[in-house]
Amino acid sequence: MPSTIQEKAALYNASTVLTLFLGALCGLVGHYVVDFAVSLFLIDRAVLAKQVGRSVGLGDYARLASLAGAAAIVGGALGFGALGSESESDEAVRRAAYGKRERQRREQAERERREADTAQSG
């Protein structure tokens, strides 16, 4: 069990990085699977074959799903996915990012810091 503040911080940071990585990976895989299924369902094989000029297989639908996923990532990176993020307050972001106990710890630390500042200046 971690005993020092540095060990706890390293553990929190490692768990955050791992959580974000796994979340992003699951999101990408899920998006790819949905894109693949939708392309199979919506795009007729004969129409796709006519467009590419040869017979098509599952690999062509897989490439099509990859293209759709890449286009969605680029669109999100250009800001289409962040349109509502500017309207969020700092407090709403903190509520979403931190658990109740962590918020309580941060609020307590902030109160203690203010009290210490007041005691020094007064």
PDB file of N, CA and C in Angstrom:
ATOM      1  N   MET A   1       0.845  -1.180   0.000  1.00  0.00           N
ATOM      2  CA  MET A   1       0.000   0.000   0.000  1.00  0.00           C
ATOM      3  C   MET A   1       0.889   1.242   0.000  1.00  0.00           C
ATOM      4  N   PRO A   2       0.613   2.225  -0.882  1.00  0.00           N
ATOM      5  CA  PRO A   2       1.457   3.405  -0.963  1.00  0.00           C
ATOM      6  C   PRO A   2       1.409   4.202   0.337  1.00  0.00           C
ATOM      7  N   SER A   3       2.578   4.692   0.752  1.00  0.00           N
ATOM      8  CA  SER A   3       2.628   5.414   2.018  1.00  0.00           C
ATOM      9  C   SER A   3       2.962   6.890   1.845  1.00  0.00           C
ATOM     10  N   THR A   4       3.691   7.241   0.814  1.00  0.00           N
ATOM     11  CA  THR A   4       4.067   8.641   0.646  1.00  0.00           C
ATOM     12  C   THR A   4       3.125   9.326  -0.335  1.00  0.00           C
ATOM     13  N   ILE A   5       3.146  10.643  -0.252  1.00  0.00           N
ATOM     14  CA  ILE A   5       2.305  11.435  -1.153  1.00  0.00           C
ATOM     15  C   ILE A   5       2.713  11.210  -2.603  1.00  0.00           C
ATOM     16  N   GLN A   6       4.035  11.107  -2.848  1.00  0.00           N
ATOM     17  CA  GLN A   6       4.518  10.889  -4.216  1.00  0.00           C
ATOM     18  C   GLN A   6       4.041   9.543  -4.757  1.00  0.00           C
ATOM     19  N   GLU A   7       4.050   8.520  -3.907  1.00  0.00           N
ATOM     20  CA  GLU A   7       3.582   7.196  -4.350  1.00  0.00           C
ATOM     21  C   GLU A   7       2.096   7.226  -4.660  1.00  0.00           C
ATOM     22  N   LYS A   8       1.330   7.915  -3.819  1.00  0.00           N
ATOM     23  CA  LYS A   8      -0.113   8.031  -4.074  1.00  0.00           C
ATOM     24  C   LYS A   8      -0.371   8.809  -5.359  1.00  0.00           C
ATOM     25  N   ALA A   9       0.361   9.896  -5.568  1.00  0.00           N
ATOM     26  CA  ALA A   9       0.191  10.691  -6.784  1.00  0.00           C
ATOM     27  C   ALA A   9       0.541   9.862  -8.015  1.00  0.00           C
ATOM     28  N   ALA A  10       1.623   9.086  -7.927  1.00  0.00           N
ATOM     29  CA  ALA A  10       2.003   8.229  -9.056  1.00  0.00           C
ATOM     30  C   ALA A  10       0.932   7.190  -9.329  1.00  0.00           C
ATOM     31  N   LEU A  11       0.370   6.626  -8.263  1.00  0.00           N
ATOM     32  CA  LEU A  11      -0.695   5.625  -8.422  1.00  0.00           C
ATOM     33  C   LEU A  11      -1.946   6.243  -9.046  1.00  0.00           C
ATOM     34  N   TYR A  12      -2.338   7.439  -8.568  1.00  0.00           N
ATOM     35  CA  TYR A  12      -3.490   8.136  -9.153  1.00  0.00           C
ATOM     36  C   TYR A  12      -3.239   8.457 -10.621  1.00  0.00           C
ATOM     37  N   ASN A  13      -2.048   8.952 -10.931  1.00  0.00           N
ATOM     38  CA  ASN A  13      -1.727   9.309 -12.313  1.00  0.00           C
ATOM     39  C   ASN A  13      -1.728   8.082 -13.216  1.00  0.00           C
ATOM     40  N   ALA A  14      -1.138   6.980 -12.744  1.00  0.00           N
ATOM     41  CA  ALA A  14      -1.106   5.758 -13.545  1.00  0.00           C
ATOM     42  C   ALA A  14      -2.510   5.225 -13.780  1.00  0.00           C
ATOM     43  N   SER A  15      -3.352   5.249 -12.752  1.00  0.00           N
ATOM     44  CA  SER A  15      -4.713   4.752 -12.931  1.00  0.00           C
ATOM     45  C   SER A  15      -5.510   5.662 -13.862  1.00  0.00           C
ATOM     46  N   THR A  16      -5.245   6.971 -13.813  1.00  0.00           N
ATOM     47  CA  THR A  16      -5.928   7.896 -14.718  1.00  0.00           C
ATOM     48  C   THR A  16      -5.524   7.647 -16.163  1.00  0.00           C
ATOM     49  N   VAL A  17      -4.219   7.499 -16.391  1.00  0.00           N
ATOM     50  CA  VAL A  17      -3.734   7.244 -17.756  1.00  0.00           C
ATOM     51  C   VAL A  17      -4.291   5.930 -18.286  1.00  0.00           C
ATOM     52  N   LEU A  18      -4.268   4.886 -17.466  1.00  0.00           N
ATOM     53  CA  LEU A  18      -4.792   3.587 -17.887  1.00  0.00           C
ATOM     54  C   LEU A  18      -6.287   3.665 -18.180  1.00  0.00           C
ATOM     55  N   THR A  19      -7.028   4.351 -17.331  1.00  0.00           N
ATOM     56  CA  THR A  19      -8.471   4.495 -17.543  1.00  0.00           C
ATOM     57  C   THR A  19      -8.763   5.239 -18.833  1.00  0.00           C
ATOM     58  N   LEU A  20      -8.052   6.344 -19.065  1.00  0.00           N
ATOM     59  CA  LEU A  20      -8.262   7.114 -20.299  1.00  0.00           C
ATOM     60  C   LEU A  20      -7.891   6.294 -21.534  1.00  0.00           C
ATOM     61  N   PHE A  21      -6.779   5.564 -21.453  1.00  0.00           N
ATOM     62  CA  PHE A  21      -6.357   4.734 -22.579  1.00  0.00           C
ATOM     63  C   PHE A  21      -7.403   3.665 -22.894  1.00  0.00           C
ATOM     64  N   LEU A  22      -7.853   2.959 -21.860  1.00  0.00           N
ATOM     65  CA  LEU A  22      -8.842   1.901 -22.084  1.00  0.00           C
ATOM     66  C   LEU A  22     -10.171   2.474 -22.574  1.00  0.00           C
ATOM     67  N   GLY A  23     -10.556   3.620 -22.043  1.00  0.00           N
ATOM     68  CA  GLY A  23     -11.791   4.257 -22.503  1.00  0.00           C
ATOM     69  C   GLY A  23     -11.710   4.665 -23.964  1.00  0.00           C
ATOM     70  N   ALA A  24     -10.586   5.258 -24.341  1.00  0.00           N
ATOM     71  CA  ALA A  24     -10.408   5.665 -25.737  1.00  0.00           C
ATOM     72  C   ALA A  24     -10.357   4.447 -26.653  1.00  0.00           C
ATOM     73  N   LEU A  25      -9.658   3.401 -26.231  1.00  0.00           N
ATOM     74  CA  LEU A  25      -9.572   2.181 -27.033  1.00  0.00           C
ATOM     75  C   LEU A  25     -10.945   1.546 -27.224  1.00  0.00           C
ATOM     76  N   CYS A  26     -11.711   1.439 -26.143  1.00  0.00           N
ATOM     77  CA  CYS A  26     -13.063   0.869 -26.242  1.00  0.00           C
ATOM     78  C   CYS A  26     -13.952   1.725 -27.142  1.00  0.00           C
ATOM     79  N   GLY A  27     -13.815   3.038 -27.024  1.00  0.00           N
ATOM     80  CA  GLY A  27     -14.599   3.924 -27.879  1.00  0.00           C
ATOM     81  C   GLY A  27     -14.253   3.753 -29.349  1.00  0.00           C
ATOM     82  N   LEU A  28     -12.965   3.657 -29.647  1.00  0.00           N
ATOM     83  CA  LEU A  28     -12.546   3.478 -31.041  1.00  0.00           C
ATOM     84  C   LEU A  28     -13.002   2.134 -31.605  1.00  0.00           C
ATOM     85  N   VAL A  29     -12.838   1.082 -30.817  1.00  0.00           N
ATOM     86  CA  VAL A  29     -13.257  -0.250 -31.275  1.00  0.00           C
ATOM     87  C   VAL A  29     -14.771  -0.279 -31.475  1.00  0.00           C
ATOM     88  N   GLY A  30     -15.501   0.283 -30.526  1.00  0.00           N
ATOM     89  CA  GLY A  30     -16.960   0.328 -30.660  1.00  0.00           C
ATOM     90  C   GLY A  30     -17.400   1.112 -31.886  1.00  0.00           C
ATOM     91  N   HIS A  31     -16.743   2.243 -32.107  1.00  0.00           N
ATOM     92  CA  HIS A  31     -17.070   3.068 -33.276  1.00  0.00           C
ATOM     93  C   HIS A  31     -16.781   2.309 -34.568  1.00  0.00           C
ATOM     94  N   TYR A  32     -15.652   1.612 -34.605  1.00  0.00           N
ATOM     95  CA  TYR A  32     -15.291   0.841 -35.790  1.00  0.00           C
ATOM     96  C   TYR A  32     -16.312  -0.268 -36.051  1.00  0.00           C
ATOM     97  N   VAL A  33     -16.710  -0.988 -35.012  1.00  0.00           N
ATOM     98  CA  VAL A  33     -17.678  -2.080 -35.171  1.00  0.00           C
ATOM     99  C   VAL A  33     -19.013  -1.544 -35.690  1.00  0.00           C
ATOM    100  N   VAL A  34     -19.450  -0.420 -35.142  1.00  0.00           N
ATOM    101  CA  VAL A  34     -20.712   0.174 -35.610  1.00  0.00           C
ATOM    102  C   VAL A  34     -20.582   0.617 -37.064  1.00  0.00           C
ATOM    103  N   ASP A  35     -19.483   1.287 -37.405  1.00  0.00           N
ATOM    104  CA  ASP A  35     -19.275   1.713 -38.791  1.00  0.00           C
ATOM    105  C   ASP A  35     -19.247   0.521 -39.749  1.00  0.00           C
ATOM    106  N   PHE A  36     -18.588  -0.549 -39.341  1.00  0.00           N
ATOM    107  CA  PHE A  36     -18.509  -1.741 -40.178  1.00  0.00           C
ATOM    108  C   PHE A  36     -19.902  -2.335 -40.391  1.00  0.00           C
ATOM    109  N   ALA A  37     -20.654  -2.466 -39.324  1.00  0.00           N
ATOM    110  CA  ALA A  37     -22.004  -3.039 -39.431  1.00  0.00           C
ATOM    111  C   ALA A  37     -22.912  -2.152 -40.281  1.00  0.00           C
ATOM    112  N   VAL A  38     -22.828  -0.852 -40.087  1.00  0.00           N
ATOM    113  CA  VAL A  38     -23.669   0.060 -40.863  1.00  0.00           C
ATOM    114  C   VAL A  38     -23.294   0.016 -42.341  1.00  0.00           C
ATOM    115  N   SER A  39     -21.995  -0.045 -42.638  1.00  0.00           N
ATOM    116  CA  SER A  39     -21.595  -0.102 -44.046  1.00  0.00           C
ATOM    117  C   SER A  39     -22.071  -1.401 -44.697  1.00  0.00           C
ATOM    118  N   LEU A  40     -22.007  -2.512 -43.970  1.00  0.00           N
ATOM    119  CA  LEU A  40     -22.524  -3.769 -44.513  1.00  0.00           C
ATOM    120  C   LEU A  40     -24.025  -3.693 -44.774  1.00  0.00           C
ATOM    121  N   PHE A  41     -24.733  -3.037 -43.873  1.00  0.00           N
ATOM    122  CA  PHE A  41     -26.187  -2.964 -43.969  1.00  0.00           C
ATOM    123  C   PHE A  41     -26.654  -1.982 -45.041  1.00  0.00           C
ATOM    124  N   LEU A  42     -25.980  -0.838 -45.148  1.00  0.00           N
ATOM    125  CA  LEU A  42     -26.472   0.224 -46.018  1.00  0.00           C
ATOM    126  C   LEU A  42     -25.908   0.228 -47.436  1.00  0.00           C
ATOM    127  N   ILE A  43     -24.701  -0.276 -47.612  1.00  0.00           N
ATOM    128  CA  ILE A  43     -24.063  -0.169 -48.931  1.00  0.00           C
ATOM    129  C   ILE A  43     -24.154  -1.507 -49.648  1.00  0.00           C
ATOM    130  N   ASP A  44     -24.870  -1.494 -50.726  1.00  0.00           N
ATOM    131  CA  ASP A  44     -25.047  -2.712 -51.518  1.00  0.00           C
ATOM    132  C   ASP A  44     -23.717  -3.114 -52.137  1.00  0.00           C
ATOM    133  N   ARG A  45     -23.425  -4.404 -52.111  1.00  0.00           N
ATOM    134  CA  ARG A  45     -22.162  -4.920 -52.633  1.00  0.00           C
ATOM    135  C   ARG A  45     -21.995  -4.585 -54.119  1.00  0.00           C
ATOM    136  N   ALA A  46     -23.059  -4.678 -54.887  1.00  0.00           N
ATOM    137  CA  ALA A  46     -22.975  -4.398 -56.322  1.00  0.00           C
ATOM    138  C   ALA A  46     -22.660  -2.926 -56.584  1.00  0.00           C
ATOM    139  N   VAL A  47     -23.256  -2.046 -55.790  1.00  0.00           N
ATOM    140  CA  VAL A  47     -23.008  -0.612 -55.965  1.00  0.00           C
ATOM    141  C   VAL A  47     -21.552  -0.281 -55.608  1.00  0.00           C
ATOM    142  N   LEU A  48     -21.070  -0.851 -54.509  1.00  0.00           N
ATOM    143  CA  LEU A  48     -19.681  -0.617 -54.115  1.00  0.00           C
ATOM    144  C   LEU A  48     -18.721  -1.191 -55.155  1.00  0.00           C
ATOM    145  N   ALA A  49     -19.029  -2.375 -55.669  1.00  0.00           N
ATOM    146  CA  ALA A  49     -18.175  -2.998 -56.694  1.00  0.00           C
ATOM    147  C   ALA A  49     -18.123  -2.128 -57.949  1.00  0.00           C
ATOM    148  N   LYS A  50     -19.252  -1.545 -58.317  1.00  0.00           N
ATOM    149  CA  LYS A  50     -19.289  -0.675 -59.497  1.00  0.00           C
ATOM    150  C   LYS A  50     -18.430   0.570 -59.267  1.00  0.00           C
ATOM    151  N   GLN A  51     -18.447   1.112 -58.053  1.00  0.00           N
ATOM    152  CA  GLN A  51     -17.674   2.321 -57.751  1.00  0.00           C
ATOM    153  C   GLN A  51     -16.170   2.052 -57.739  1.00  0.00           C
ATOM    154  N   VAL A  52     -15.760   0.903 -57.180  1.00  0.00           N
ATOM    155  CA  VAL A  52     -14.324   0.631 -57.099  1.00  0.00           C
ATOM    156  C   VAL A  52     -13.801  -0.081 -58.343  1.00  0.00           C
ATOM    157  N   GLY A  53     -14.681  -0.584 -59.176  1.00  0.00           N
ATOM    158  CA  GLY A  53     -14.275  -1.191 -60.429  1.00  0.00           C
ATOM    159  C   GLY A  53     -13.780  -2.621 -60.314  1.00  0.00           C
ATOM    160  N   ARG A  54     -14.148  -3.318 -59.270  1.00  0.00           N
ATOM    161  CA  ARG A  54     -13.763  -4.719 -59.091  1.00  0.00           C
ATOM    162  C   ARG A  54     -14.725  -5.345 -58.092  1.00  0.00           C
ATOM    163  N   SER A  55     -14.608  -6.647 -57.913  1.00  0.00           N
ATOM    164  CA  SER A  55     -15.457  -7.299 -56.916  1.00  0.00           C
ATOM    165  C   SER A  55     -14.976  -6.911 -55.516  1.00  0.00           C
ATOM    166  N   VAL A  56     -15.903  -6.855 -54.575  1.00  0.00           N
ATOM    167  CA  VAL A  56     -15.563  -6.409 -53.223  1.00  0.00           C
ATOM    168  C   VAL A  56     -15.806  -7.529 -52.221  1.00  0.00           C
ATOM    169  N   GLY A  57     -15.098  -7.428 -51.110  1.00  0.00           N
ATOM    170  CA  GLY A  57     -15.252  -8.395 -50.030  1.00  0.00           C
ATOM    171  C   GLY A  57     -15.344  -7.668 -48.696  1.00  0.00           C
ATOM    172  N   LEU A  58     -15.226  -8.432 -47.622  1.00  0.00           N
ATOM    173  CA  LEU A  58     -15.319  -7.846 -46.298  1.00  0.00           C
ATOM    174  C   LEU A  58     -14.183  -6.855 -46.022  1.00  0.00           C
ATOM    175  N   GLY A  59     -13.023  -7.087 -46.632  1.00  0.00           N
ATOM    176  CA  GLY A  59     -11.900  -6.161 -46.456  1.00  0.00           C
ATOM    177  C   GLY A  59     -12.224  -4.769 -46.955  1.00  0.00           C
ATOM    178  N   ASP A  60     -12.996  -4.684 -48.041  1.00  0.00           N
ATOM    179  CA  ASP A  60     -13.390  -3.373 -48.563  1.00  0.00           C
ATOM    180  C   ASP A  60     -14.317  -2.659 -47.584  1.00  0.00           C
ATOM    181  N   TYR A  61     -15.218  -3.400 -46.972  1.00  0.00           N
ATOM    182  CA  TYR A  61     -16.101  -2.805 -45.973  1.00  0.00           C
ATOM    183  C   TYR A  61     -15.298  -2.408 -44.725  1.00  0.00           C
ATOM    184  N   ALA A  62     -14.283  -3.190 -44.390  1.00  0.00           N
ATOM    185  CA  ALA A  62     -13.422  -2.850 -43.254  1.00  0.00           C
ATOM    186  C   ALA A  62     -12.661  -1.555 -43.527  1.00  0.00           C
ATOM    187  N   ARG A  63     -12.147  -1.397 -44.731  1.00  0.00           N
ATOM    188  CA  ARG A  63     -11.453  -0.159 -45.087  1.00  0.00           C
ATOM    189  C   ARG A  63     -12.418   1.023 -45.088  1.00  0.00           C
ATOM    190  N   LEU A  64     -13.621   0.781 -45.541  1.00  0.00           N
ATOM    191  CA  LEU A  64     -14.637   1.829 -45.537  1.00  0.00           C
ATOM    192  C   LEU A  64     -14.964   2.258 -44.101  1.00  0.00           C
ATOM    193  N   ALA A  65     -15.049   1.284 -43.191  1.00  0.00           N
ATOM    194  CA  ALA A  65     -15.301   1.601 -41.779  1.00  0.00           C
ATOM    195  C   ALA A  65     -14.127   2.376 -41.192  1.00  0.00           C
ATOM    196  N   SER A  66     -12.898   2.023 -41.567  1.00  0.00           N
ATOM    197  CA  SER A  66     -11.720   2.755 -41.098  1.00  0.00           C
ATOM    198  C   SER A  66     -11.737   4.188 -41.596  1.00  0.00           C
ATOM    199  N   LEU A  67     -12.117   4.377 -42.855  1.00  0.00           N
ATOM    200  CA  LEU A  67     -12.206   5.724 -43.412  1.00  0.00           C
ATOM    201  C   LEU A  67     -13.253   6.545 -42.680  1.00  0.00           C
ATOM    202  N   ALA A  68     -14.399   5.954 -42.406  1.00  0.00           N
ATOM    203  CA  ALA A  68     -15.457   6.676 -41.692  1.00  0.00           C
ATOM    204  C   ALA A  68     -14.993   7.047 -40.283  1.00  0.00           C
ATOM    205  N   GLY A  69     -14.308   6.132 -39.621  1.00  0.00           N
ATOM    206  CA  GLY A  69     -13.788   6.416 -38.278  1.00  0.00           C
ATOM    207  C   GLY A  69     -12.759   7.528 -38.289  1.00  0.00           C
ATOM    208  N   ALA A  70     -11.856   7.494 -39.269  1.00  0.00           N
ATOM    209  CA  ALA A  70     -10.839   8.543 -39.375  1.00  0.00           C
ATOM    210  C   ALA A  70     -11.488   9.894 -39.653  1.00  0.00           C
ATOM    211  N   ALA A  71     -12.489   9.921 -40.522  1.00  0.00           N
ATOM    212  CA  ALA A  71     -13.191  11.173 -40.812  1.00  0.00           C
ATOM    213  C   ALA A  71     -13.886  11.704 -39.557  1.00  0.00           C
ATOM    214  N   ALA A  72     -14.452  10.819 -38.755  1.00  0.00           N
ATOM    215  CA  ALA A  72     -15.112  11.244 -37.519  1.00  0.00           C
ATOM    216  C   ALA A  72     -14.111  11.800 -36.514  1.00  0.00           C
ATOM    217  N   ILE A  73     -12.936  11.185 -36.426  1.00  0.00           N
ATOM    218  CA  ILE A  73     -11.904  11.673 -35.508  1.00  0.00           C
ATOM    219  C   ILE A  73     -11.411  13.046 -35.944  1.00  0.00           C
ATOM    220  N   VAL A  74     -11.172  13.218 -37.241  1.00  0.00           N
ATOM    221  CA  VAL A  74     -10.717  14.513 -37.742  1.00  0.00           C
ATOM    222  C   VAL A  74     -11.803  15.565 -37.520  1.00  0.00           C
ATOM    223  N   GLY A  75     -13.047  15.213 -37.777  1.00  0.00           N
ATOM    224  CA  GLY A  75     -14.147  16.148 -37.537  1.00  0.00           C
ATOM    225  C   GLY A  75     -14.234  16.539 -36.077  1.00  0.00           C
ATOM    226  N   GLY A  76     -14.051  15.590 -35.187  1.00  0.00           N
ATOM    227  CA  GLY A  76     -14.067  15.890 -33.767  1.00  0.00           C
ATOM    228  C   GLY A  76     -12.896  16.756 -33.351  1.00  0.00           C
ATOM    229  N   ALA A  77     -11.739  16.499 -33.942  1.00  0.00           N
ATOM    230  CA  ALA A  77     -10.546  17.279 -33.612  1.00  0.00           C
ATOM    231  C   ALA A  77     -10.666  18.717 -34.099  1.00  0.00           C
ATOM    232  N   LEU A  78     -11.417  18.926 -35.174  1.00  0.00           N
ATOM    233  CA  LEU A  78     -11.599  20.278 -35.692  1.00  0.00           C
ATOM    234  C   LEU A  78     -12.593  21.080 -34.872  1.00  0.00           C
ATOM    235  N   GLY A  79     -13.221  20.448 -33.903  1.00  0.00           N
ATOM    236  CA  GLY A  79     -14.076  21.209 -33.006  1.00  0.00           C
ATOM    237  C   GLY A  79     -15.542  20.886 -33.080  1.00  0.00           C
ATOM    238  N   PHE A  80     -15.959  20.035 -34.000  1.00  0.00           N
ATOM    239  CA  PHE A  80     -17.378  19.749 -34.101  1.00  0.00           C
ATOM    240  C   PHE A  80     -17.891  19.037 -32.859  1.00  0.00           C
ATOM    241  N   GLY A  81     -17.023  18.267 -32.201  1.00  0.00           N
ATOM    242  CA  GLY A  81     -17.425  17.569 -30.989  1.00  0.00           C
ATOM    243  C   GLY A  81     -17.308  18.426 -29.747  1.00  0.00           C
ATOM    244  N   ALA A  82     -16.702  19.598 -29.850  1.00  0.00           N
ATOM    245  CA  ALA A  82     -16.469  20.430 -28.675  1.00  0.00           C
ATOM    246  C   ALA A  82     -17.346  21.669 -28.663  1.00  0.00           C
ATOM    247  N   LEU A  83     -18.393  21.695 -29.448  1.00  0.00           N
ATOM    248  CA  LEU A  83     -19.218  22.895 -29.509  1.00  0.00           C
ATOM    249  C   LEU A  83     -19.841  23.230 -28.163  1.00  0.00           C
ATOM    250  N   GLY A  84     -20.247  22.231 -27.414  1.00  0.00           N
ATOM    251  CA  GLY A  84     -20.892  22.495 -26.131  1.00  0.00           C
ATOM    252  C   GLY A  84     -19.928  22.616 -24.975  1.00  0.00           C
ATOM    253  N   SER A  85     -18.659  22.306 -25.182  1.00  0.00           N
ATOM    254  CA  SER A  85     -17.721  22.284 -24.066  1.00  0.00           C
ATOM    255  C   SER A  85     -17.444  23.670 -23.504  1.00  0.00           C
ATOM    256  N   GLU A  86     -17.580  24.704 -24.284  1.00  0.00           N
ATOM    257  CA  GLU A  86     -17.315  26.045 -23.790  1.00  0.00           C
ATOM    258  C   GLU A  86     -18.405  26.533 -22.861  1.00  0.00           C
ATOM    259  N   SER A  87     -19.588  25.925 -22.920  1.00  0.00           N
ATOM    260  CA  SER A  87     -20.689  26.372 -22.082  1.00  0.00           C
ATOM    261  C   SER A  87     -20.654  25.746 -20.692  1.00  0.00           C
ATOM    262  N   GLU A  88     -19.770  24.771 -20.475  1.00  0.00           N
ATOM    263  CA  GLU A  88     -19.683  24.120 -19.170  1.00  0.00           C
ATOM    264  C   GLU A  88     -18.929  25.011 -18.194  1.00  0.00           C
ATOM    265  N   SER A  89     -19.454  25.128 -16.998  1.00  0.00           N
ATOM    266  CA  SER A  89     -18.774  25.909 -15.962  1.00  0.00           C
ATOM    267  C   SER A  89     -17.640  25.082 -15.370  1.00  0.00           C
ATOM    268  N   ASP A  90     -16.734  25.766 -14.689  1.00  0.00           N
ATOM    269  CA  ASP A  90     -15.635  25.063 -14.030  1.00  0.00           C
ATOM    270  C   ASP A  90     -16.165  24.074 -13.005  1.00  0.00           C
ATOM    271  N   GLU A  91     -17.209  24.465 -12.299  1.00  0.00           N
ATOM    272  CA  GLU A  91     -17.779  23.582 -11.279  1.00  0.00           C
ATOM    273  C   GLU A  91     -18.377  22.331 -11.909  1.00  0.00           C
ATOM    274  N   ALA A  92     -19.042  22.466 -13.052  1.00  0.00           N
ATOM    275  CA  ALA A  92     -19.619  21.299 -13.728  1.00  0.00           C
ATOM    276  C   ALA A  92     -18.528  20.355 -14.208  1.00  0.00           C
ATOM    277  N   VAL A  93     -17.433  20.913 -14.676  1.00  0.00           N
ATOM    278  CA  VAL A  93     -16.308  20.085 -15.122  1.00  0.00           C
ATOM    279  C   VAL A  93     -15.708  19.348 -13.926  1.00  0.00           C
ATOM    280  N   ARG A  94     -15.541  20.041 -12.805  1.00  0.00           N
ATOM    281  CA  ARG A  94     -15.007  19.386 -11.604  1.00  0.00           C
ATOM    282  C   ARG A  94     -15.919  18.258 -11.125  1.00  0.00           C
ATOM    283  N   ARG A  95     -17.243  18.495 -11.149  1.00  0.00           N
ATOM    284  CA  ARG A  95     -18.182  17.443 -10.716  1.00  0.00           C
ATOM    285  C   ARG A  95     -18.065  16.220 -11.603  1.00  0.00           C
ATOM    286  N   ALA A  96     -17.852  16.439 -12.890  1.00  0.00           N
ATOM    287  CA  ALA A  96     -17.740  15.307 -13.813  1.00  0.00           C
ATOM    288  C   ALA A  96     -16.392  14.605 -13.688  1.00  0.00           C
ATOM    289  N   ALA A  97     -15.351  15.366 -13.378  1.00  0.00           N
ATOM    290  CA  ALA A  97     -14.002  14.809 -13.381  1.00  0.00           C
ATOM    291  C   ALA A  97     -13.626  14.131 -12.071  1.00  0.00           C
ATOM    292  N   TYR A  98     -14.144  14.616 -10.959  1.00  0.00           N
ATOM    293  CA  TYR A  98     -13.720  14.099  -9.666  1.00  0.00           C
ATOM    294  C   TYR A  98     -14.888  13.453  -8.934  1.00  0.00           C
ATOM    295  N   GLY A  99     -14.570  12.440  -8.165  1.00  0.00           N
ATOM    296  CA  GLY A  99     -15.567  11.808  -7.312  1.00  0.00           C
ATOM    297  C   GLY A  99     -15.876  12.687  -6.119  1.00  0.00           C
ATOM    298  N   LYS A 100     -16.906  12.324  -5.387  1.00  0.00           N
ATOM    299  CA  LYS A 100     -17.348  13.119  -4.239  1.00  0.00           C
ATOM    300  C   LYS A 100     -16.245  13.263  -3.197  1.00  0.00           C
ATOM    301  N   ARG A 101     -15.575  12.163  -2.867  1.00  0.00           N
ATOM    302  CA  ARG A 101     -14.528  12.205  -1.844  1.00  0.00           C
ATOM    303  C   ARG A 101     -13.372  13.107  -2.279  1.00  0.00           C
ATOM    304  N   GLU A 102     -12.984  13.029  -3.541  1.00  0.00           N
ATOM    305  CA  GLU A 102     -11.888  13.872  -4.026  1.00  0.00           C
ATOM    306  C   GLU A 102     -12.297  15.341  -3.993  1.00  0.00           C
ATOM    307  N   ARG A 103     -13.547  15.647  -4.360  1.00  0.00           N
ATOM    308  CA  ARG A 103     -14.026  17.028  -4.281  1.00  0.00           C
ATOM    309  C   ARG A 103     -13.990  17.522  -2.842  1.00  0.00           C
ATOM    310  N   GLN A 104     -14.411  16.668  -1.898  1.00  0.00           N
ATOM    311  CA  GLN A 104     -14.390  17.056  -0.488  1.00  0.00           C
ATOM    312  C   GLN A 104     -12.960  17.332  -0.029  1.00  0.00           C
ATOM    313  N   ARG A 105     -12.010  16.491  -0.445  1.00  0.00           N
ATOM    314  CA  ARG A 105     -10.611  16.705  -0.075  1.00  0.00           C
ATOM    315  C   ARG A 105     -10.097  18.026  -0.640  1.00  0.00           C
ATOM    316  N   ARG A 106     -10.429  18.297  -1.890  1.00  0.00           N
ATOM    317  CA  ARG A 106      -9.972  19.545  -2.514  1.00  0.00           C
ATOM    318  C   ARG A 106     -10.601  20.767  -1.841  1.00  0.00           C
ATOM    319  N   GLU A 107     -11.892  20.685  -1.521  1.00  0.00           N
ATOM    320  CA  GLU A 107     -12.558  21.797  -0.848  1.00  0.00           C
ATOM    321  C   GLU A 107     -11.954  22.040   0.531  1.00  0.00           C
ATOM    322  N   GLN A 108     -11.672  20.963   1.260  1.00  0.00           N
ATOM    323  CA  GLN A 108     -11.056  21.082   2.586  1.00  0.00           C
ATOM    324  C   GLN A 108      -9.669  21.707   2.470  1.00  0.00           C
ATOM    325  N   ALA A 109      -8.883  21.269   1.508  1.00  0.00           N
ATOM    326  CA  ALA A 109      -7.546  21.835   1.313  1.00  0.00           C
ATOM    327  C   ALA A 109      -7.638  23.311   0.948  1.00  0.00           C
ATOM    328  N   GLU A 110      -8.606  23.681   0.137  1.00  0.00           N
ATOM    329  CA  GLU A 110      -8.790  25.083  -0.238  1.00  0.00           C
ATOM    330  C   GLU A 110      -9.196  25.915   0.980  1.00  0.00           C
ATOM    331  N   ARG A 111     -10.089  25.405   1.815  1.00  0.00           N
ATOM    332  CA  ARG A 111     -10.479  26.115   3.040  1.00  0.00           C
ATOM    333  C   ARG A 111      -9.273  26.314   3.963  1.00  0.00           C
ATOM    334  N   GLU A 112      -8.483  25.257   4.123  1.00  0.00           N
ATOM    335  CA  GLU A 112      -7.303  25.352   4.977  1.00  0.00           C
ATOM    336  C   GLU A 112      -6.295  26.358   4.431  1.00  0.00           C
ATOM    337  N   ARG A 113      -6.134  26.384   3.105  1.00  0.00           N
ATOM    338  CA  ARG A 113      -5.218  27.345   2.489  1.00  0.00           C
ATOM    339  C   ARG A 113      -5.696  28.761   2.722  1.00  0.00           C
ATOM    340  N   ARG A 114      -7.009  29.016   2.557  1.00  0.00           N
ATOM    341  CA  ARG A 114      -7.565  30.360   2.782  1.00  0.00           C
ATOM    342  C   ARG A 114      -7.402  30.776   4.244  1.00  0.00           C
ATOM    343  N   GLU A 115      -7.665  29.831   5.152  1.00  0.00           N
ATOM    344  CA  GLU A 115      -7.510  30.134   6.578  1.00  0.00           C
ATOM    345  C   GLU A 115      -6.059  30.467   6.907  1.00  0.00           C
ATOM    346  N   ALA A 116      -5.120  29.740   6.330  1.00  0.00           N
ATOM    347  CA  ALA A 116      -3.699  30.000   6.565  1.00  0.00           C
ATOM    348  C   ALA A 116      -3.315  31.373   6.001  1.00  0.00           C
ATOM    349  N   ASP A 117      -3.834  31.703   4.817  1.00  0.00           N
ATOM    350  CA  ASP A 117      -3.545  33.010   4.223  1.00  0.00           C
ATOM    351  C   ASP A 117      -4.119  34.131   5.084  1.00  0.00           C
ATOM    352  N   THR A 118      -5.336  33.928   5.586  1.00  0.00           N
ATOM    353  CA  THR A 118      -5.979  34.935   6.432  1.00  0.00           C
ATOM    354  C   THR A 118      -5.212  35.125   7.734  1.00  0.00           C
ATOM    355  N   ALA A 119      -4.759  34.025   8.316  1.00  0.00           N
ATOM    356  CA  ALA A 119      -4.005  34.096   9.573  1.00  0.00           C
ATOM    357  C   ALA A 119      -2.663  34.811   9.376  1.00  0.00           C
ATOM    358  N   GLN A 120      -2.020  34.608   8.246  1.00  0.00           N
ATOM    359  CA  GLN A 120      -0.732  35.257   7.977  1.00  0.00           C
ATOM    360  C   GLN A 120      -0.910  36.748   7.707  1.00  0.00           C
ATOM    361  N   SER A 121      -1.977  37.112   6.990  1.00  0.00           N
ATOM    362  CA  SER A 121      -2.168  38.522   6.627  1.00  0.00           C
ATOM    363  C   SER A 121      -2.817  39.309   7.764  1.00  0.00           C
ATOM    364  N   GLY A 122      -3.462  38.656   8.703  1.00  0.00           N
ATOM    365  CA  GLY A 122      -4.199  39.357   9.761  1.00  0.00           C
ATOM    366  C   GLY A 122      -3.513  39.411  11.023  1.00  0.00           C
TER     367      GLY A 122
END
